[in-house]
Every structure is written in structure tokens, then in C-alpha cells.
Amino acid sequence: MYSGPVASHTYYHISESGNLGVFIIAGPNHSGLDSLVATVVDYIWETPLGEIKIDSGLAKAIARNSSYLDIDDIPHESEHSIEVQIPFLHHIFGNSFKIVPIAMAMQTIEVARDIASAIARAVEDLGRDVIYIASTDWTHYEPHEISVKKI
């Protein structure tokens, strides 16, 4: 109910910003399978619009800098919160970008700060510019007015 308007405004602004080449996409791990916070490295994300590559170097650097992030394919295999973002990016930029997906079953402030710090260190160390996209799929039950107040 919320993601359509939020996604349309967000991707409009992303399209105006231009393609930085890498999008870090975070979303919940609904299944809770395997690692509680996970990314992938040697992986190609297949979509009906084409294949999107993972920025393996950046994913590894973020994982190295994090106390929580594991490299683990399993949490991504049946998760939809990240994969639904990719067609929007593909529509705007074609195949000319890579992603670093981060699936999070553990969603505490401590983990969020750790991941944010790990991303900041990795992009600085590698001299990269990225756009960070957070899925709108973190809650299904909270009224819209309550979510807006939390921003």
C-alpha cells in the first residue's frame, strides 16, 4: 500500500541524480533462513529484464568492515524485498549498473549502525560513489501515520 508512491518518487529522484554505477539495496529477510544479515558476491541477479551483476569487491569490503554481515546466498534465494527494486533500476539504467544486496533478519539499531559504518568505510576505502536504497518492506502492519511520525 505504501511502496508504490514511495518507490515512484524515489526512483524519479534517482533517475535525475544519474547512474553512479552501484546501488546498495537493503531489505528484510522475511524467511529468517541462514545468516541473519547477508550479502552475496559471486552471483548474477536474474530478472525478466536481464541479468544484473553484483559488485563483489564492494560487497566483500562491506562484509570485512562489519561485525554482522555474512556472505551467504541462501537468505537471498526466496526473498522479494530486494529483488522488486531491480526492475525500476533496470528500466532507468538498463544493464549499466551493479548492486550490493543486503538482506537483514536482525534489525536492531546496533546492526544498522554497524552496517552503515561498514558501508561508509568500504566506499571511502575503494573511492566509490553509491546510492543506498532501503526497501519499504520493513513492516506490514504499522499505520502510515505512525510510520511518517517516525521519520
N, C-alpha and C. Protein backbone atom coordinates (compact mmCIF):
# COMPACT_ATOMS: atom_id res chain seq x y z
N MET A 1 0.82 -1.19 0.00
CA MET A 1 0.00 0.00 0.00
C MET A 1 0.87 1.26 0.00
N TYR A 2 2.05 1.20 0.67
CA TYR A 2 2.90 2.38 0.74
C TYR A 2 3.95 2.40 -0.35
N SER A 3 4.36 1.25 -0.83
CA SER A 3 5.56 1.20 -1.65
C SER A 3 5.39 1.84 -3.02
N GLY A 4 4.22 1.81 -3.60
CA GLY A 4 4.03 2.39 -4.94
C GLY A 4 4.38 3.87 -4.99
N PRO A 5 3.72 4.71 -4.17
CA PRO A 5 4.05 6.14 -4.19
C PRO A 5 5.48 6.43 -3.75
N VAL A 6 5.94 5.73 -2.73
CA VAL A 6 7.31 5.95 -2.25
C VAL A 6 8.32 5.57 -3.33
N ALA A 7 8.12 4.42 -3.94
CA ALA A 7 9.04 3.97 -4.99
C ALA A 7 9.03 4.92 -6.18
N SER A 8 7.86 5.36 -6.60
CA SER A 8 7.81 6.22 -7.78
C SER A 8 8.55 7.54 -7.54
N HIS A 9 8.39 8.14 -6.37
CA HIS A 9 9.10 9.38 -6.07
C HIS A 9 10.60 9.13 -5.93
N THR A 10 10.95 8.05 -5.27
CA THR A 10 12.37 7.74 -5.06
C THR A 10 13.07 7.49 -6.38
N TYR A 11 12.50 6.66 -7.23
CA TYR A 11 13.17 6.35 -8.49
C TYR A 11 13.17 7.53 -9.45
N TYR A 12 12.21 8.40 -9.33
CA TYR A 12 12.25 9.64 -10.12
C TYR A 12 13.49 10.45 -9.74
N HIS A 13 13.73 10.60 -8.43
CA HIS A 13 14.90 11.36 -7.97
C HIS A 13 16.20 10.65 -8.32
N ILE A 14 16.20 9.33 -8.23
CA ILE A 14 17.40 8.57 -8.62
C ILE A 14 17.69 8.79 -10.11
N SER A 15 16.65 8.79 -10.93
CA SER A 15 16.86 8.99 -12.38
C SER A 15 17.44 10.37 -12.65
N GLU A 16 17.06 11.37 -11.86
CA GLU A 16 17.61 12.72 -12.03
C GLU A 16 19.06 12.81 -11.54
N SER A 17 19.42 11.98 -10.56
CA SER A 17 20.76 12.01 -9.99
C SER A 17 21.80 11.41 -10.91
N GLY A 18 21.35 10.53 -11.78
CA GLY A 18 22.28 9.87 -12.69
C GLY A 18 22.76 8.54 -12.13
N ASN A 19 23.40 7.80 -12.97
CA ASN A 19 23.85 6.46 -12.62
C ASN A 19 25.24 6.52 -12.02
N LEU A 20 25.33 6.24 -10.73
CA LEU A 20 26.64 6.18 -10.08
C LEU A 20 27.31 4.83 -10.29
N GLY A 21 26.56 3.88 -10.86
CA GLY A 21 27.13 2.58 -11.19
C GLY A 21 26.86 1.49 -10.18
N VAL A 22 26.64 1.86 -8.91
CA VAL A 22 26.42 0.85 -7.87
C VAL A 22 25.28 1.30 -6.96
N PHE A 23 24.38 0.35 -6.70
CA PHE A 23 23.29 0.58 -5.77
C PHE A 23 23.36 -0.46 -4.67
N ILE A 24 23.45 -0.01 -3.43
CA ILE A 24 23.36 -0.91 -2.29
C ILE A 24 21.89 -0.96 -1.92
N ILE A 25 21.31 -2.17 -1.93
CA ILE A 25 19.88 -2.32 -1.67
C ILE A 25 19.70 -3.18 -0.43
N ALA A 26 19.11 -2.59 0.61
CA ALA A 26 18.86 -3.30 1.85
C ALA A 26 17.37 -3.60 1.98
N GLY A 27 17.09 -4.79 2.49
CA GLY A 27 15.71 -5.18 2.73
C GLY A 27 15.66 -6.25 3.81
N PRO A 28 14.48 -6.50 4.32
CA PRO A 28 14.36 -7.53 5.35
C PRO A 28 14.55 -8.92 4.77
N ASN A 29 14.91 -9.83 5.63
CA ASN A 29 14.96 -11.25 5.29
C ASN A 29 13.71 -11.85 5.93
N HIS A 30 12.66 -12.00 5.15
CA HIS A 30 11.39 -12.49 5.67
C HIS A 30 11.45 -13.95 6.13
N SER A 31 12.28 -14.75 5.50
CA SER A 31 12.31 -16.19 5.80
C SER A 31 13.11 -16.49 7.06
N GLY A 32 14.10 -15.65 7.37
CA GLY A 32 14.97 -15.92 8.51
C GLY A 32 15.93 -17.07 8.25
N LEU A 33 16.02 -17.51 7.00
CA LEU A 33 16.91 -18.63 6.67
C LEU A 33 18.38 -18.22 6.74
N ASP A 34 19.19 -19.08 7.30
CA ASP A 34 20.65 -18.97 7.33
C ASP A 34 21.11 -17.68 8.02
N SER A 35 22.06 -16.97 7.44
CA SER A 35 22.65 -15.79 8.08
C SER A 35 21.59 -14.72 8.34
N LEU A 36 21.71 -14.08 9.49
CA LEU A 36 20.74 -13.06 9.88
C LEU A 36 20.95 -11.73 9.16
N VAL A 37 22.17 -11.49 8.68
CA VAL A 37 22.48 -10.30 7.88
C VAL A 37 23.43 -10.80 6.79
N ALA A 38 23.01 -10.68 5.52
CA ALA A 38 23.78 -11.34 4.47
C ALA A 38 23.83 -10.54 3.17
N THR A 39 24.96 -10.68 2.50
CA THR A 39 25.11 -10.19 1.14
C THR A 39 25.61 -11.36 0.29
N VAL A 40 25.75 -11.13 -1.00
CA VAL A 40 26.27 -12.14 -1.92
C VAL A 40 27.43 -11.55 -2.69
N VAL A 41 28.29 -12.43 -3.23
CA VAL A 41 29.41 -11.92 -4.03
C VAL A 41 29.46 -12.54 -5.42
N ASP A 42 29.62 -13.81 -5.53
CA ASP A 42 29.72 -14.47 -6.83
C ASP A 42 28.32 -14.88 -7.28
N TYR A 43 27.60 -13.93 -7.84
CA TYR A 43 26.18 -14.11 -8.06
C TYR A 43 25.76 -13.19 -9.20
N ILE A 44 24.85 -13.64 -10.00
CA ILE A 44 24.23 -12.77 -11.00
C ILE A 44 22.74 -12.79 -10.73
N TRP A 45 22.17 -11.62 -10.56
CA TRP A 45 20.75 -11.49 -10.25
C TRP A 45 19.98 -11.56 -11.57
N GLU A 46 19.20 -12.60 -11.74
CA GLU A 46 18.44 -12.79 -12.97
C GLU A 46 17.05 -12.20 -12.82
N THR A 47 16.66 -11.37 -13.79
CA THR A 47 15.32 -10.79 -13.80
C THR A 47 14.73 -11.00 -15.19
N PRO A 48 13.43 -10.83 -15.33
CA PRO A 48 12.84 -10.92 -16.67
C PRO A 48 13.39 -9.87 -17.64
N LEU A 49 13.97 -8.81 -17.10
CA LEU A 49 14.52 -7.74 -17.95
C LEU A 49 15.99 -7.95 -18.28
N GLY A 50 16.62 -8.93 -17.66
CA GLY A 50 18.03 -9.18 -17.91
C GLY A 50 18.77 -9.50 -16.63
N GLU A 51 20.06 -9.72 -16.77
CA GLU A 51 20.90 -10.08 -15.64
C GLU A 51 21.60 -8.83 -15.09
N ILE A 52 21.67 -8.77 -13.77
CA ILE A 52 22.35 -7.67 -13.09
C ILE A 52 23.47 -8.28 -12.25
N LYS A 53 24.66 -7.71 -12.37
CA LYS A 53 25.82 -8.24 -11.65
C LYS A 53 25.93 -7.63 -10.25
N ILE A 54 26.58 -8.38 -9.39
CA ILE A 54 26.90 -7.93 -8.04
C ILE A 54 28.25 -7.23 -8.08
N ASP A 55 28.40 -6.16 -7.34
CA ASP A 55 29.71 -5.53 -7.18
C ASP A 55 30.41 -6.31 -6.06
N SER A 56 31.06 -7.40 -6.45
CA SER A 56 31.66 -8.33 -5.49
C SER A 56 32.73 -7.66 -4.63
N GLY A 57 33.54 -6.80 -5.23
CA GLY A 57 34.58 -6.13 -4.46
C GLY A 57 34.02 -5.27 -3.36
N LEU A 58 32.96 -4.52 -3.67
CA LEU A 58 32.34 -3.68 -2.66
C LEU A 58 31.63 -4.52 -1.61
N ALA A 59 30.92 -5.58 -2.03
CA ALA A 59 30.23 -6.46 -1.08
C ALA A 59 31.23 -7.07 -0.10
N LYS A 60 32.37 -7.54 -0.61
CA LYS A 60 33.39 -8.13 0.26
C LYS A 60 33.95 -7.09 1.23
N ALA A 61 34.18 -5.87 0.75
CA ALA A 61 34.73 -4.82 1.61
C ALA A 61 33.74 -4.46 2.72
N ILE A 62 32.47 -4.38 2.40
CA ILE A 62 31.47 -4.08 3.43
C ILE A 62 31.44 -5.20 4.46
N ALA A 63 31.44 -6.45 4.00
CA ALA A 63 31.42 -7.60 4.92
C ALA A 63 32.67 -7.61 5.81
N ARG A 64 33.82 -7.28 5.24
CA ARG A 64 35.07 -7.22 6.03
C ARG A 64 34.99 -6.19 7.15
N ASN A 65 34.30 -5.09 6.88
CA ASN A 65 34.21 -3.99 7.85
C ASN A 65 33.07 -4.15 8.85
N SER A 66 32.27 -5.19 8.71
CA SER A 66 31.09 -5.37 9.56
C SER A 66 31.27 -6.52 10.53
N SER A 67 30.71 -6.36 11.70
CA SER A 67 30.70 -7.45 12.70
C SER A 67 29.53 -8.40 12.47
N TYR A 68 28.58 -8.03 11.62
CA TYR A 68 27.36 -8.82 11.44
C TYR A 68 27.15 -9.37 10.04
N LEU A 69 27.65 -8.70 9.02
CA LEU A 69 27.34 -9.06 7.64
C LEU A 69 28.12 -10.27 7.18
N ASP A 70 27.39 -11.31 6.78
CA ASP A 70 27.98 -12.53 6.23
C ASP A 70 27.81 -12.55 4.71
N ILE A 71 28.65 -13.31 4.06
CA ILE A 71 28.47 -13.59 2.64
C ILE A 71 27.74 -14.93 2.58
N ASP A 72 26.49 -14.88 2.12
CA ASP A 72 25.62 -16.06 2.18
C ASP A 72 24.49 -15.90 1.16
N ASP A 73 24.42 -16.79 0.19
CA ASP A 73 23.39 -16.73 -0.86
C ASP A 73 21.99 -17.10 -0.36
N ILE A 74 21.92 -17.99 0.61
CA ILE A 74 20.62 -18.59 0.98
C ILE A 74 19.57 -17.56 1.40
N PRO A 75 19.88 -16.56 2.22
CA PRO A 75 18.84 -15.60 2.58
C PRO A 75 18.25 -14.84 1.39
N HIS A 76 18.95 -14.80 0.27
CA HIS A 76 18.50 -14.06 -0.90
C HIS A 76 17.68 -14.91 -1.87
N GLU A 77 17.73 -16.23 -1.71
CA GLU A 77 17.12 -17.11 -2.71
C GLU A 77 15.61 -16.98 -2.82
N SER A 78 14.92 -16.73 -1.73
CA SER A 78 13.46 -16.63 -1.82
C SER A 78 12.96 -15.31 -1.25
N GLU A 79 13.83 -14.32 -1.20
CA GLU A 79 13.47 -13.01 -0.65
C GLU A 79 13.05 -12.06 -1.76
N HIS A 80 11.93 -11.36 -1.56
CA HIS A 80 11.42 -10.47 -2.59
C HIS A 80 11.70 -8.99 -2.34
N SER A 81 12.02 -8.61 -1.13
CA SER A 81 12.11 -7.19 -0.79
C SER A 81 13.22 -6.45 -1.54
N ILE A 82 14.27 -7.15 -1.89
CA ILE A 82 15.36 -6.53 -2.64
C ILE A 82 15.13 -6.67 -4.14
N GLU A 83 14.70 -7.84 -4.55
CA GLU A 83 14.59 -8.08 -6.00
C GLU A 83 13.54 -7.20 -6.66
N VAL A 84 12.51 -6.74 -5.92
CA VAL A 84 11.50 -5.89 -6.55
C VAL A 84 12.02 -4.50 -6.87
N GLN A 85 13.16 -4.13 -6.32
CA GLN A 85 13.77 -2.83 -6.62
C GLN A 85 14.48 -2.84 -7.98
N ILE A 86 14.97 -3.98 -8.38
CA ILE A 86 15.84 -4.08 -9.55
C ILE A 86 15.15 -3.70 -10.86
N PRO A 87 13.90 -4.10 -11.11
CA PRO A 87 13.28 -3.67 -12.37
C PRO A 87 13.17 -2.15 -12.53
N PHE A 88 12.98 -1.43 -11.42
CA PHE A 88 12.94 0.03 -11.52
C PHE A 88 14.29 0.56 -12.01
N LEU A 89 15.37 0.07 -11.39
CA LEU A 89 16.70 0.49 -11.78
C LEU A 89 17.00 0.08 -13.22
N HIS A 90 16.59 -1.13 -13.56
CA HIS A 90 16.83 -1.64 -14.92
C HIS A 90 16.09 -0.79 -15.95
N HIS A 91 14.88 -0.39 -15.63
CA HIS A 91 14.10 0.46 -16.55
C HIS A 91 14.81 1.79 -16.78
N ILE A 92 15.39 2.35 -15.72
CA ILE A 92 16.05 3.65 -15.82
C ILE A 92 17.43 3.55 -16.47
N PHE A 93 18.23 2.54 -16.06
CA PHE A 93 19.64 2.50 -16.44
C PHE A 93 20.04 1.31 -17.30
N GLY A 94 19.09 0.46 -17.68
CA GLY A 94 19.46 -0.72 -18.47
C GLY A 94 20.32 -1.66 -17.65
N ASN A 95 21.34 -2.24 -18.26
CA ASN A 95 22.23 -3.17 -17.55
C ASN A 95 23.51 -2.47 -17.07
N SER A 96 23.51 -1.15 -17.04
CA SER A 96 24.76 -0.41 -16.78
C SER A 96 24.98 -0.09 -15.30
N PHE A 97 24.59 -1.00 -14.43
CA PHE A 97 24.84 -0.81 -13.00
C PHE A 97 25.04 -2.16 -12.33
N LYS A 98 25.59 -2.11 -11.12
CA LYS A 98 25.73 -3.30 -10.29
C LYS A 98 25.03 -3.04 -8.97
N ILE A 99 24.80 -4.11 -8.22
CA ILE A 99 24.16 -3.97 -6.93
C ILE A 99 24.97 -4.67 -5.85
N VAL A 100 24.71 -4.27 -4.61
CA VAL A 100 25.15 -5.00 -3.43
C VAL A 100 23.89 -5.18 -2.59
N PRO A 101 23.31 -6.38 -2.62
CA PRO A 101 22.10 -6.63 -1.82
C PRO A 101 22.46 -6.99 -0.38
N ILE A 102 21.70 -6.45 0.56
CA ILE A 102 21.90 -6.78 1.98
C ILE A 102 20.54 -7.17 2.56
N ALA A 103 20.40 -8.45 2.89
CA ALA A 103 19.16 -8.97 3.50
C ALA A 103 19.35 -9.04 5.01
N MET A 104 18.39 -8.46 5.74
CA MET A 104 18.53 -8.32 7.19
C MET A 104 17.35 -8.94 7.94
N ALA A 105 17.62 -10.05 8.62
CA ALA A 105 16.63 -10.60 9.54
C ALA A 105 16.83 -9.97 10.92
N MET A 106 18.08 -9.65 11.24
CA MET A 106 18.40 -8.97 12.50
C MET A 106 18.33 -7.47 12.24
N GLN A 107 17.36 -6.80 12.87
CA GLN A 107 17.08 -5.40 12.54
C GLN A 107 17.13 -4.52 13.79
N THR A 108 18.27 -4.53 14.46
CA THR A 108 18.43 -3.70 15.65
C THR A 108 19.20 -2.43 15.29
N ILE A 109 19.13 -1.45 16.18
CA ILE A 109 19.90 -0.22 15.99
C ILE A 109 21.38 -0.53 15.90
N GLU A 110 21.86 -1.43 16.73
CA GLU A 110 23.28 -1.80 16.73
C GLU A 110 23.71 -2.35 15.37
N VAL A 111 22.90 -3.23 14.80
CA VAL A 111 23.22 -3.81 13.50
C VAL A 111 23.15 -2.73 12.41
N ALA A 112 22.14 -1.89 12.46
CA ALA A 112 22.00 -0.83 11.46
C ALA A 112 23.21 0.10 11.49
N ARG A 113 23.67 0.46 12.68
CA ARG A 113 24.85 1.33 12.80
C ARG A 113 26.10 0.63 12.28
N ASP A 114 26.22 -0.65 12.59
CA ASP A 114 27.36 -1.42 12.13
C ASP A 114 27.40 -1.47 10.60
N ILE A 115 26.27 -1.76 9.99
CA ILE A 115 26.20 -1.86 8.52
C ILE A 115 26.48 -0.49 7.90
N ALA A 116 25.89 0.57 8.47
CA ALA A 116 26.13 1.92 7.93
C ALA A 116 27.61 2.28 8.00
N SER A 117 28.23 1.98 9.12
CA SER A 117 29.65 2.27 9.28
C SER A 117 30.49 1.43 8.31
N ALA A 118 30.13 0.17 8.15
CA ALA A 118 30.87 -0.71 7.23
C ALA A 118 30.75 -0.22 5.79
N ILE A 119 29.57 0.25 5.41
CA ILE A 119 29.38 0.79 4.07
C ILE A 119 30.23 2.05 3.90
N ALA A 120 30.17 2.95 4.88
CA ALA A 120 30.92 4.21 4.79
C ALA A 120 32.42 3.94 4.64
N ARG A 121 32.95 3.02 5.44
CA ARG A 121 34.39 2.70 5.36
C ARG A 121 34.73 2.08 4.01
N ALA A 122 33.88 1.16 3.55
CA ALA A 122 34.15 0.47 2.28
C ALA A 122 34.14 1.43 1.10
N VAL A 123 33.14 2.29 1.02
CA VAL A 123 33.08 3.21 -0.13
C VAL A 123 34.21 4.23 -0.07
N GLU A 124 34.60 4.63 1.14
CA GLU A 124 35.73 5.55 1.26
C GLU A 124 37.03 4.86 0.87
N ASP A 125 37.26 3.64 1.38
CA ASP A 125 38.48 2.91 1.06
C ASP A 125 38.61 2.62 -0.43
N LEU A 126 37.48 2.33 -1.08
CA LEU A 126 37.51 1.99 -2.50
C LEU A 126 37.34 3.22 -3.40
N GLY A 127 37.06 4.38 -2.79
CA GLY A 127 36.86 5.59 -3.58
C GLY A 127 35.64 5.51 -4.47
N ARG A 128 34.56 4.96 -3.95
CA ARG A 128 33.35 4.74 -4.75
C ARG A 128 32.24 5.70 -4.36
N ASP A 129 31.38 5.97 -5.30
CA ASP A 129 30.12 6.67 -5.05
C ASP A 129 29.02 5.65 -5.24
N VAL A 130 28.09 5.62 -4.32
CA VAL A 130 26.98 4.66 -4.39
C VAL A 130 25.68 5.35 -4.02
N ILE A 131 24.61 4.73 -4.38
CA ILE A 131 23.29 5.13 -3.88
C ILE A 131 22.77 3.98 -3.04
N TYR A 132 22.29 4.31 -1.84
CA TYR A 132 21.75 3.33 -0.90
C TYR A 132 20.23 3.37 -0.99
N ILE A 133 19.65 2.21 -1.22
CA ILE A 133 18.19 2.08 -1.31
C ILE A 133 17.73 1.15 -0.21
N ALA A 134 16.79 1.61 0.61
CA ALA A 134 16.20 0.77 1.65
C ALA A 134 14.79 0.40 1.21
N SER A 135 14.49 -0.87 1.24
CA SER A 135 13.17 -1.37 0.89
C SER A 135 12.11 -0.74 1.79
N THR A 136 10.91 -0.58 1.27
CA THR A 136 9.80 -0.11 2.10
C THR A 136 9.10 -1.29 2.79
N ASP A 137 9.68 -2.47 2.68
CA ASP A 137 9.03 -3.70 3.15
C ASP A 137 9.43 -4.09 4.58
N TRP A 138 9.83 -3.13 5.41
CA TRP A 138 10.27 -3.45 6.77
C TRP A 138 9.10 -3.76 7.70
N THR A 139 7.95 -3.20 7.43
CA THR A 139 6.78 -3.50 8.26
C THR A 139 5.55 -3.63 7.36
N HIS A 140 4.64 -4.50 7.76
CA HIS A 140 3.40 -4.67 7.00
C HIS A 140 2.19 -4.21 7.80
N TYR A 141 2.39 -3.90 9.06
CA TYR A 141 1.24 -3.73 9.95
C TYR A 141 1.13 -2.35 10.57
N GLU A 142 2.12 -1.52 10.41
CA GLU A 142 2.09 -0.22 11.05
C GLU A 142 1.29 0.77 10.21
N PRO A 143 0.39 1.53 10.83
CA PRO A 143 -0.36 2.53 10.07
C PRO A 143 0.57 3.58 9.47
N HIS A 144 0.22 4.08 8.32
CA HIS A 144 1.02 5.05 7.59
C HIS A 144 1.36 6.27 8.45
N GLU A 145 0.40 6.78 9.21
CA GLU A 145 0.60 7.98 10.03
C GLU A 145 1.70 7.74 11.07
N ILE A 146 1.75 6.54 11.64
CA ILE A 146 2.77 6.21 12.64
C ILE A 146 4.15 6.15 11.97
N SER A 147 4.22 5.57 10.79
CA SER A 147 5.49 5.49 10.06
C SER A 147 6.01 6.87 9.75
N VAL A 148 5.14 7.78 9.31
CA VAL A 148 5.54 9.14 8.97
C VAL A 148 6.07 9.86 10.20
N LYS A 149 5.45 9.67 11.35
CA LYS A 149 5.91 10.32 12.58
C LYS A 149 7.31 9.85 12.98
N LYS A 150 7.68 8.61 12.63
CA LYS A 150 8.98 8.06 12.98
C LYS A 150 10.11 8.60 12.13
N ILE A 151 9.79 9.23 11.01
CA ILE A 151 10.83 9.71 10.10
C ILE A 151 11.58 10.84 10.69
